PDB file of all heavy atoms in Angstrom:
ATOM      1  N   ASN A   1      30.353   5.084 -47.368  1.00  0.00           N
ATOM      2  CA  ASN A   1      30.615   4.265 -46.191  1.00  0.00           C
ATOM      3  C   ASN A   1      29.800   4.629 -44.959  1.00  0.00           C
ATOM      4  O   ASN A   1      29.426   3.752 -44.188  1.00  0.00           O
ATOM      5  CB  ASN A   1      32.151   4.348 -45.863  1.00  0.00           C
ATOM      6  CG  ASN A   1      32.957   3.566 -46.858  1.00  0.00           C
ATOM      7  OD1 ASN A   1      32.930   2.342 -46.876  1.00  0.00           O
ATOM      8  ND2 ASN A   1      33.722   4.339 -47.686  1.00  0.00           N
ATOM      9  N   VAL A   2      29.426   5.890 -44.812  1.00  0.00           N
ATOM     10  CA  VAL A   2      28.519   6.338 -43.757  1.00  0.00           C
ATOM     11  C   VAL A   2      27.214   5.635 -43.934  1.00  0.00           C
ATOM     12  O   VAL A   2      26.591   5.140 -43.020  1.00  0.00           O
ATOM     13  CB  VAL A   2      28.366   7.843 -43.720  1.00  0.00           C
ATOM     14  CG1 VAL A   2      27.146   8.275 -42.902  1.00  0.00           C
ATOM     15  CG2 VAL A   2      29.635   8.494 -43.123  1.00  0.00           C
ATOM     16  N   ASN A   3      26.736   5.645 -45.236  1.00  0.00           N
ATOM     17  CA  ASN A   3      25.439   4.968 -45.487  1.00  0.00           C
ATOM     18  C   ASN A   3      25.414   3.497 -45.306  1.00  0.00           C
ATOM     19  O   ASN A   3      24.414   2.862 -45.037  1.00  0.00           O
ATOM     20  CB  ASN A   3      24.980   5.349 -46.927  1.00  0.00           C
ATOM     21  CG  ASN A   3      24.575   6.815 -47.091  1.00  0.00           C
ATOM     22  OD1 ASN A   3      24.210   7.438 -46.067  1.00  0.00           O
ATOM     23  ND2 ASN A   3      24.635   7.334 -48.276  1.00  0.00           N
ATOM     24  N   ARG A   4      26.621   2.883 -45.445  1.00  0.00           N
ATOM     25  CA  ARG A   4      26.771   1.471 -45.180  1.00  0.00           C
ATOM     26  C   ARG A   4      26.639   1.190 -43.651  1.00  0.00           C
ATOM     27  O   ARG A   4      26.113   0.085 -43.263  1.00  0.00           O
ATOM     28  CB  ARG A   4      28.087   0.974 -45.686  1.00  0.00           C
ATOM     29  CG  ARG A   4      28.217   0.813 -47.165  1.00  0.00           C
ATOM     30  CD  ARG A   4      29.604   0.577 -47.625  1.00  0.00           C
ATOM     31  NE  ARG A   4      29.732   0.230 -49.055  1.00  0.00           N
ATOM     32  CZ  ARG A   4      30.881   0.242 -49.745  1.00  0.00           C
ATOM     33  NH1 ARG A   4      31.996   0.523 -49.134  1.00  0.00           N
ATOM     34  NH2 ARG A   4      30.881  -0.088 -51.028  1.00  0.00           N
ATOM     35  N   MET A   5      27.067   2.090 -42.844  1.00  0.00           N
ATOM     36  CA  MET A   5      27.116   1.917 -41.400  1.00  0.00           C
ATOM     37  C   MET A   5      25.784   2.120 -40.728  1.00  0.00           C
ATOM     38  O   MET A   5      25.408   1.427 -39.809  1.00  0.00           O
ATOM     39  CB  MET A   5      28.181   2.803 -40.747  1.00  0.00           C
ATOM     40  CG  MET A   5      29.588   2.448 -41.088  1.00  0.00           C
ATOM     41  SD  MET A   5      30.747   3.541 -40.145  1.00  0.00           S
ATOM     42  CE  MET A   5      31.171   4.678 -41.370  1.00  0.00           C
ATOM     43  N   ILE A   6      25.104   3.191 -41.158  1.00  0.00           N
ATOM     44  CA  ILE A   6      23.929   3.683 -40.423  1.00  0.00           C
ATOM     45  C   ILE A   6      22.855   2.604 -40.200  1.00  0.00           C
ATOM     46  O   ILE A   6      22.306   2.533 -39.048  1.00  0.00           O
ATOM     47  CB  ILE A   6      23.351   4.962 -41.163  1.00  0.00           C
ATOM     48  CG1 ILE A   6      24.275   6.087 -40.839  1.00  0.00           C
ATOM     49  CG2 ILE A   6      21.942   5.176 -40.664  1.00  0.00           C
ATOM     50  CD1 ILE A   6      23.869   7.354 -41.541  1.00  0.00           C
ATOM     51  N   PRO A   7      22.536   1.731 -41.195  1.00  0.00           N
ATOM     52  CA  PRO A   7      21.492   0.729 -40.853  1.00  0.00           C
ATOM     53  C   PRO A   7      21.895  -0.184 -39.760  1.00  0.00           C
ATOM     54  O   PRO A   7      21.026  -0.839 -39.130  1.00  0.00           O
ATOM     55  CB  PRO A   7      21.408  -0.056 -42.219  1.00  0.00           C
ATOM     56  CG  PRO A   7      21.875   0.932 -43.244  1.00  0.00           C
ATOM     57  CD  PRO A   7      22.997   1.632 -42.609  1.00  0.00           C
ATOM     58  N   HIS A   8      23.163  -0.329 -39.448  1.00  0.00           N
ATOM     59  CA  HIS A   8      23.618  -1.331 -38.466  1.00  0.00           C
ATOM     60  C   HIS A   8      23.946  -0.654 -37.095  1.00  0.00           C
ATOM     61  O   HIS A   8      23.668  -1.317 -36.057  1.00  0.00           O
ATOM     62  CB  HIS A   8      24.884  -2.031 -38.966  1.00  0.00           C
ATOM     63  CG  HIS A   8      24.676  -2.720 -40.250  1.00  0.00           C
ATOM     64  ND1 HIS A   8      23.941  -3.863 -40.384  1.00  0.00           N
ATOM     65  CD2 HIS A   8      25.077  -2.387 -41.519  1.00  0.00           C
ATOM     66  CE1 HIS A   8      23.957  -4.264 -41.648  1.00  0.00           C
ATOM     67  NE2 HIS A   8      24.537  -3.394 -42.374  1.00  0.00           N
ATOM     68  N   ILE A   9      24.481   0.515 -37.068  1.00  0.00           N
ATOM     69  CA  ILE A   9      24.814   1.134 -35.771  1.00  0.00           C
ATOM     70  C   ILE A   9      24.211   2.509 -35.584  1.00  0.00           C
ATOM     71  O   ILE A   9      24.448   3.153 -34.542  1.00  0.00           O
ATOM     72  CB  ILE A   9      26.371   1.205 -35.584  1.00  0.00           C
ATOM     73  CG1 ILE A   9      26.988   2.053 -36.733  1.00  0.00           C
ATOM     74  CG2 ILE A   9      27.006  -0.187 -35.521  1.00  0.00           C
ATOM     75  CD1 ILE A   9      28.498   2.286 -36.548  1.00  0.00           C
ATOM     76  N   GLY A  10      23.491   2.998 -36.556  1.00  0.00           N
ATOM     77  CA  GLY A  10      23.042   4.368 -36.510  1.00  0.00           C
ATOM     78  C   GLY A  10      22.029   4.657 -35.387  1.00  0.00           C
ATOM     79  O   GLY A  10      21.952   5.829 -34.928  1.00  0.00           O
ATOM     80  N   ARG A  11      21.307   3.626 -34.914  1.00  0.00           N
ATOM     81  CA  ARG A  11      20.259   3.896 -33.928  1.00  0.00           C
ATOM     82  C   ARG A  11      20.888   4.111 -32.547  1.00  0.00           C
ATOM     83  O   ARG A  11      20.155   4.646 -31.630  1.00  0.00           O
ATOM     84  CB  ARG A  11      19.309   2.731 -33.886  1.00  0.00           C
ATOM     85  CG  ARG A  11      19.914   1.411 -33.375  1.00  0.00           C
ATOM     86  CD  ARG A  11      18.949   0.236 -33.476  1.00  0.00           C
ATOM     87  NE  ARG A  11      19.433  -0.947 -32.882  1.00  0.00           N
ATOM     88  CZ  ARG A  11      20.272  -1.802 -33.553  1.00  0.00           C
ATOM     89  NH1 ARG A  11      20.706  -1.480 -34.765  1.00  0.00           N
ATOM     90  NH2 ARG A  11      20.669  -2.966 -32.961  1.00  0.00           N
ATOM     91  N   TRP A  12      22.087   3.641 -32.312  1.00  0.00           N
ATOM     92  CA  TRP A  12      22.711   3.710 -31.016  1.00  0.00           C
ATOM     93  C   TRP A  12      23.043   5.163 -30.657  1.00  0.00           C
ATOM     94  O   TRP A  12      23.433   5.989 -31.578  1.00  0.00           O
ATOM     95  CB  TRP A  12      23.984   2.873 -30.880  1.00  0.00           C
ATOM     96  CG  TRP A  12      23.710   1.412 -31.019  1.00  0.00           C
ATOM     97  CD1 TRP A  12      23.871   0.626 -32.070  1.00  0.00           C
ATOM     98  CD2 TRP A  12      23.182   0.591 -30.014  1.00  0.00           C
ATOM     99  NE1 TRP A  12      23.539  -0.670 -31.857  1.00  0.00           N
ATOM    100  CE2 TRP A  12      23.067  -0.727 -30.519  1.00  0.00           C
ATOM    101  CE3 TRP A  12      22.808   0.779 -28.662  1.00  0.00           C
ATOM    102  CZ2 TRP A  12      22.580  -1.830 -29.808  1.00  0.00           C
ATOM    103  CZ3 TRP A  12      22.296  -0.355 -27.974  1.00  0.00           C
ATOM    104  CH2 TRP A  12      22.216  -1.608 -28.547  1.00  0.00           C
ATOM    105  N   LYS A  13      22.948   5.535 -29.386  1.00  0.00           N
ATOM    106  CA  LYS A  13      23.482   6.870 -28.998  1.00  0.00           C
ATOM    107  C   LYS A  13      25.004   6.804 -29.142  1.00  0.00           C
ATOM    108  O   LYS A  13      25.640   5.781 -28.906  1.00  0.00           O
ATOM    109  CB  LYS A  13      23.136   7.131 -27.503  1.00  0.00           C
ATOM    110  CG  LYS A  13      21.659   7.221 -27.241  1.00  0.00           C
ATOM    111  CD  LYS A  13      21.068   8.459 -27.829  1.00  0.00           C
ATOM    112  CE  LYS A  13      19.613   8.751 -27.310  1.00  0.00           C
ATOM    113  NZ  LYS A  13      18.688   7.682 -27.672  1.00  0.00           N
ATOM    114  N   LEU A  14      25.556   7.903 -29.565  1.00  0.00           N
ATOM    115  CA  LEU A  14      27.015   7.930 -29.828  1.00  0.00           C
ATOM    116  C   LEU A  14      27.793   7.521 -28.544  1.00  0.00           C
ATOM    117  O   LEU A  14      28.747   6.858 -28.588  1.00  0.00           O
ATOM    118  CB  LEU A  14      27.426   9.324 -30.254  1.00  0.00           C
ATOM    119  CG  LEU A  14      28.936   9.530 -30.572  1.00  0.00           C
ATOM    120  CD1 LEU A  14      29.416   8.566 -31.681  1.00  0.00           C
ATOM    121  CD2 LEU A  14      29.234  10.935 -30.979  1.00  0.00           C
ATOM    122  N   THR A  15      27.287   8.028 -27.411  1.00  0.00           N
ATOM    123  CA  THR A  15      27.995   7.795 -26.115  1.00  0.00           C
ATOM    124  C   THR A  15      27.781   6.326 -25.674  1.00  0.00           C
ATOM    125  O   THR A  15      28.515   5.922 -24.749  1.00  0.00           O
ATOM    126  CB  THR A  15      27.461   8.754 -25.031  1.00  0.00           C
ATOM    127  OG1 THR A  15      26.005   8.589 -24.955  1.00  0.00           O
ATOM    128  CG2 THR A  15      27.854  10.133 -25.325  1.00  0.00           C
ATOM    129  N   GLU A  16      26.881   5.608 -26.277  1.00  0.00           N
ATOM    130  CA  GLU A  16      26.598   4.224 -25.919  1.00  0.00           C
ATOM    131  C   GLU A  16      27.196   3.205 -26.892  1.00  0.00           C
ATOM    132  O   GLU A  16      26.994   2.052 -26.672  1.00  0.00           O
ATOM    133  CB  GLU A  16      25.080   4.038 -25.749  1.00  0.00           C
ATOM    134  CG  GLU A  16      24.519   4.854 -24.629  1.00  0.00           C
ATOM    135  CD  GLU A  16      22.974   4.720 -24.538  1.00  0.00           C
ATOM    136  OE1 GLU A  16      22.369   4.095 -25.483  1.00  0.00           O
ATOM    137  OE2 GLU A  16      22.357   5.251 -23.594  1.00  0.00           O
ATOM    138  N   LEU A  17      27.759   3.676 -27.949  1.00  0.00           N
ATOM    139  CA  LEU A  17      28.342   2.777 -28.964  1.00  0.00           C
ATOM    140  C   LEU A  17      29.498   2.025 -28.323  1.00  0.00           C
ATOM    141  O   LEU A  17      30.447   2.563 -27.748  1.00  0.00           O
ATOM    142  CB  LEU A  17      28.861   3.591 -30.150  1.00  0.00           C
ATOM    143  CG  LEU A  17      29.356   2.748 -31.328  1.00  0.00           C
ATOM    144  CD1 LEU A  17      28.281   1.901 -31.954  1.00  0.00           C
ATOM    145  CD2 LEU A  17      30.038   3.601 -32.362  1.00  0.00           C
ATOM    146  N   ARG A  18      29.462   0.689 -28.484  1.00  0.00           N
ATOM    147  CA  ARG A  18      30.472  -0.175 -27.950  1.00  0.00           C
ATOM    148  C   ARG A  18      31.154  -1.057 -29.010  1.00  0.00           C
ATOM    149  O   ARG A  18      30.601  -1.183 -30.153  1.00  0.00           O
ATOM    150  CB  ARG A  18      29.820  -1.099 -26.877  1.00  0.00           C
ATOM    151  CG  ARG A  18      29.197  -0.338 -25.692  1.00  0.00           C
ATOM    152  CD  ARG A  18      30.316   0.406 -24.894  1.00  0.00           C
ATOM    153  NE  ARG A  18      29.762   1.110 -23.714  1.00  0.00           N
ATOM    154  CZ  ARG A  18      29.531   2.392 -23.762  1.00  0.00           C
ATOM    155  NH1 ARG A  18      29.769   3.136 -24.782  1.00  0.00           N
ATOM    156  NH2 ARG A  18      29.052   3.001 -22.644  1.00  0.00           N
ATOM    157  N   ALA A  19      32.234  -1.662 -28.626  1.00  0.00           N
ATOM    158  CA  ALA A  19      32.963  -2.489 -29.602  1.00  0.00           C
ATOM    159  C   ALA A  19      32.079  -3.644 -30.101  1.00  0.00           C
ATOM    160  O   ALA A  19      32.151  -4.018 -31.248  1.00  0.00           O
ATOM    161  CB  ALA A  19      34.192  -3.077 -28.905  1.00  0.00           C
ATOM    162  N   LYS A  20      31.248  -4.217 -29.234  1.00  0.00           N
ATOM    163  CA  LYS A  20      30.353  -5.347 -29.641  1.00  0.00           C
ATOM    164  C   LYS A  20      29.417  -4.926 -30.755  1.00  0.00           C
ATOM    165  O   LYS A  20      29.083  -5.744 -31.625  1.00  0.00           O
ATOM    166  CB  LYS A  20      29.599  -5.927 -28.454  1.00  0.00           C
ATOM    167  CG  LYS A  20      28.631  -4.941 -27.815  1.00  0.00           C
ATOM    168  CD  LYS A  20      27.939  -5.593 -26.594  1.00  0.00           C
ATOM    169  CE  LYS A  20      26.924  -4.672 -25.967  1.00  0.00           C
ATOM    170  NZ  LYS A  20      26.277  -5.246 -24.797  1.00  0.00           N
ATOM    171  N   HIS A  21      28.931  -3.650 -30.726  1.00  0.00           N
ATOM    172  CA  HIS A  21      28.082  -3.183 -31.774  1.00  0.00           C
ATOM    173  C   HIS A  21      28.830  -3.067 -33.095  1.00  0.00           C
ATOM    174  O   HIS A  21      28.278  -3.433 -34.145  1.00  0.00           O
ATOM    175  CB  HIS A  21      27.482  -1.808 -31.432  1.00  0.00           C
ATOM    176  CG  HIS A  21      26.794  -1.784 -30.078  1.00  0.00           C
ATOM    177  ND1 HIS A  21      26.891  -0.720 -29.209  1.00  0.00           N
ATOM    178  CD2 HIS A  21      26.004  -2.712 -29.503  1.00  0.00           C
ATOM    179  CE1 HIS A  21      26.158  -0.968 -28.146  1.00  0.00           C
ATOM    180  NE2 HIS A  21      25.626  -2.179 -28.318  1.00  0.00           N
ATOM    181  N   ILE A  22      30.036  -2.604 -33.031  1.00  0.00           N
ATOM    182  CA  ILE A  22      30.838  -2.483 -34.235  1.00  0.00           C
ATOM    183  C   ILE A  22      31.183  -3.820 -34.816  1.00  0.00           C
ATOM    184  O   ILE A  22      31.187  -4.064 -36.032  1.00  0.00           O
ATOM    185  CB  ILE A  22      32.138  -1.635 -33.848  1.00  0.00           C
ATOM    186  CG1 ILE A  22      31.777  -0.229 -33.435  1.00  0.00           C
ATOM    187  CG2 ILE A  22      33.075  -1.569 -35.143  1.00  0.00           C
ATOM    188  CD1 ILE A  22      32.909   0.591 -32.908  1.00  0.00           C
ATOM    189  N   GLU A  23      31.544  -4.705 -33.917  1.00  0.00           N
ATOM    190  CA  GLU A  23      31.906  -6.112 -34.392  1.00  0.00           C
ATOM    191  C   GLU A  23      30.715  -6.810 -35.032  1.00  0.00           C
ATOM    192  O   GLU A  23      30.862  -7.481 -36.080  1.00  0.00           O
ATOM    193  CB  GLU A  23      32.423  -6.920 -33.182  1.00  0.00           C
ATOM    194  CG  GLU A  23      33.792  -6.500 -32.704  1.00  0.00           C
ATOM    195  CD  GLU A  23      34.149  -7.224 -31.354  1.00  0.00           C
ATOM    196  OE1 GLU A  23      33.238  -7.695 -30.735  1.00  0.00           O
ATOM    197  OE2 GLU A  23      35.341  -7.178 -31.067  1.00  0.00           O
ATOM    198  N   ALA A  24      29.559  -6.573 -34.466  1.00  0.00           N
ATOM    199  CA  ALA A  24      28.324  -7.143 -35.120  1.00  0.00           C
ATOM    200  C   ALA A  24      28.062  -6.574 -36.458  1.00  0.00           C
ATOM    201  O   ALA A  24      27.659  -7.311 -37.374  1.00  0.00           O
ATOM    202  CB  ALA A  24      27.167  -6.928 -34.167  1.00  0.00           C
ATOM    203  N   MET A  25      28.349  -5.294 -36.625  1.00  0.00           N
ATOM    204  CA  MET A  25      28.173  -4.616 -37.894  1.00  0.00           C
ATOM    205  C   MET A  25      29.132  -5.202 -38.936  1.00  0.00           C
ATOM    206  O   MET A  25      28.746  -5.498 -40.057  1.00  0.00           O
ATOM    207  CB  MET A  25      28.375  -3.141 -37.779  1.00  0.00           C
ATOM    208  CG  MET A  25      28.393  -2.402 -39.160  1.00  0.00           C
ATOM    209  SD  MET A  25      28.788  -0.609 -38.999  1.00  0.00           S
ATOM    210  CE  MET A  25      30.562  -0.773 -38.680  1.00  0.00           C
ATOM    211  N   TYR A  26      30.394  -5.412 -38.541  1.00  0.00           N
ATOM    212  CA  TYR A  26      31.388  -5.951 -39.488  1.00  0.00           C
ATOM    213  C   TYR A  26      30.940  -7.340 -39.958  1.00  0.00           C
ATOM    214  O   TYR A  26      31.094  -7.719 -41.072  1.00  0.00           O
ATOM    215  CB  TYR A  26      32.758  -5.985 -38.883  1.00  0.00           C
ATOM    216  CG  TYR A  26      33.392  -4.643 -38.637  1.00  0.00           C
ATOM    217  CD1 TYR A  26      34.336  -4.477 -37.634  1.00  0.00           C
ATOM    218  CD2 TYR A  26      33.061  -3.568 -39.435  1.00  0.00           C
ATOM    219  CE1 TYR A  26      34.915  -3.233 -37.446  1.00  0.00           C
ATOM    220  CE2 TYR A  26      33.631  -2.328 -39.224  1.00  0.00           C
ATOM    221  CZ  TYR A  26      34.590  -2.149 -38.252  1.00  0.00           C
ATOM    222  OH  TYR A  26      35.165  -0.947 -38.068  1.00  0.00           O
ATOM    223  N   LYS A  27      30.448  -8.085 -39.020  1.00  0.00           N
ATOM    224  CA  LYS A  27      30.018  -9.477 -39.304  1.00  0.00           C
ATOM    225  C   LYS A  27      28.960  -9.494 -40.365  1.00  0.00           C
ATOM    226  O   LYS A  27      28.914 -10.296 -41.304  1.00  0.00           O
ATOM    227  CB  LYS A  27      29.571 -10.219 -38.079  1.00  0.00           C
ATOM    228  CG  LYS A  27      29.275 -11.704 -38.233  1.00  0.00           C
ATOM    229  CD  LYS A  27      29.003 -12.361 -36.966  1.00  0.00           C
ATOM    230  CE  LYS A  27      28.745 -13.865 -37.148  1.00  0.00           C
ATOM    231  NZ  LYS A  27      28.479 -14.554 -35.828  1.00  0.00           N
ATOM    232  N   ARG A  28      27.974  -8.590 -40.225  1.00  0.00           N
ATOM    233  CA  ARG A  28      26.853  -8.504 -41.205  1.00  0.00           C
ATOM    234  C   ARG A  28      27.376  -7.975 -42.520  1.00  0.00           C
ATOM    235  O   ARG A  28      26.948  -8.400 -43.601  1.00  0.00           O
ATOM    236  CB  ARG A  28      25.708  -7.600 -40.638  1.00  0.00           C
ATOM    237  CG  ARG A  28      24.985  -8.274 -39.505  1.00  0.00           C
ATOM    238  CD  ARG A  28      23.688  -7.595 -39.148  1.00  0.00           C
ATOM    239  NE  ARG A  28      23.965  -6.296 -38.590  1.00  0.00           N
ATOM    240  CZ  ARG A  28      24.059  -6.018 -37.282  1.00  0.00           C
ATOM    241  NH1 ARG A  28      23.994  -7.016 -36.405  1.00  0.00           N
ATOM    242  NH2 ARG A  28      24.255  -4.802 -36.851  1.00  0.00           N
ATOM    243  N   LEU A  29      28.210  -6.924 -42.480  1.00  0.00           N
ATOM    244  CA  LEU A  29      28.723  -6.353 -43.736  1.00  0.00           C
ATOM    245  C   LEU A  29      29.562  -7.287 -44.495  1.00  0.00           C
ATOM    246  O   LEU A  29      29.546  -7.278 -45.760  1.00  0.00           O
ATOM    247  CB  LEU A  29      29.539  -5.091 -43.400  1.00  0.00           C
ATOM    248  CG  LEU A  29      28.746  -3.851 -42.954  1.00  0.00           C
ATOM    249  CD1 LEU A  29      29.688  -2.723 -42.671  1.00  0.00           C
ATOM    250  CD2 LEU A  29      27.727  -3.396 -44.045  1.00  0.00           C
ATOM    251  N   GLU A  30      30.275  -8.235 -43.848  1.00  0.00           N
ATOM    252  CA  GLU A  30      31.046  -9.199 -44.485  1.00  0.00           C
ATOM    253  C   GLU A  30      30.220 -10.186 -45.393  1.00  0.00           C
ATOM    254  O   GLU A  30      30.754 -10.796 -46.266  1.00  0.00           O
ATOM    255  CB  GLU A  30      31.920  -9.974 -43.555  1.00  0.00           C
ATOM    256  CG  GLU A  30      33.098  -9.194 -42.982  1.00  0.00           C
ATOM    257  CD  GLU A  30      33.739  -9.818 -41.771  1.00  0.00           C
ATOM    258  OE1 GLU A  30      33.204 -10.859 -41.304  1.00  0.00           O
ATOM    259  OE2 GLU A  30      34.774  -9.260 -41.264  1.00  0.00           O
ATOM    260  N   GLU A  31      28.920 -10.265 -45.047  1.00  0.00           N
ATOM    261  CA  GLU A  31      28.038 -11.072 -45.813  1.00  0.00           C
ATOM    262  C   GLU A  31      27.549 -10.399 -47.035  1.00  0.00           C
ATOM    263  O   GLU A  31      27.052 -11.014 -48.004  1.00  0.00           O
ATOM    264  CB  GLU A  31      26.824 -11.525 -44.959  1.00  0.00           C
ATOM    265  CG  GLU A  31      27.187 -12.359 -43.706  1.00  0.00           C
ATOM    266  CD  GLU A  31      26.035 -12.564 -42.759  1.00  0.00           C
ATOM    267  OE1 GLU A  31      24.934 -12.092 -43.057  1.00  0.00           O
ATOM    268  OE2 GLU A  31      26.183 -13.286 -41.731  1.00  0.00           O
TER     269      GLU A  31
END
């Protein structure tokens, strides 16, 4: 699951990760 996430949100700084980034990841993963 970590490897599923990294291509989508891995580049962001941890302190800069926001809900919109997570929501966008879920939308792509659902495809």
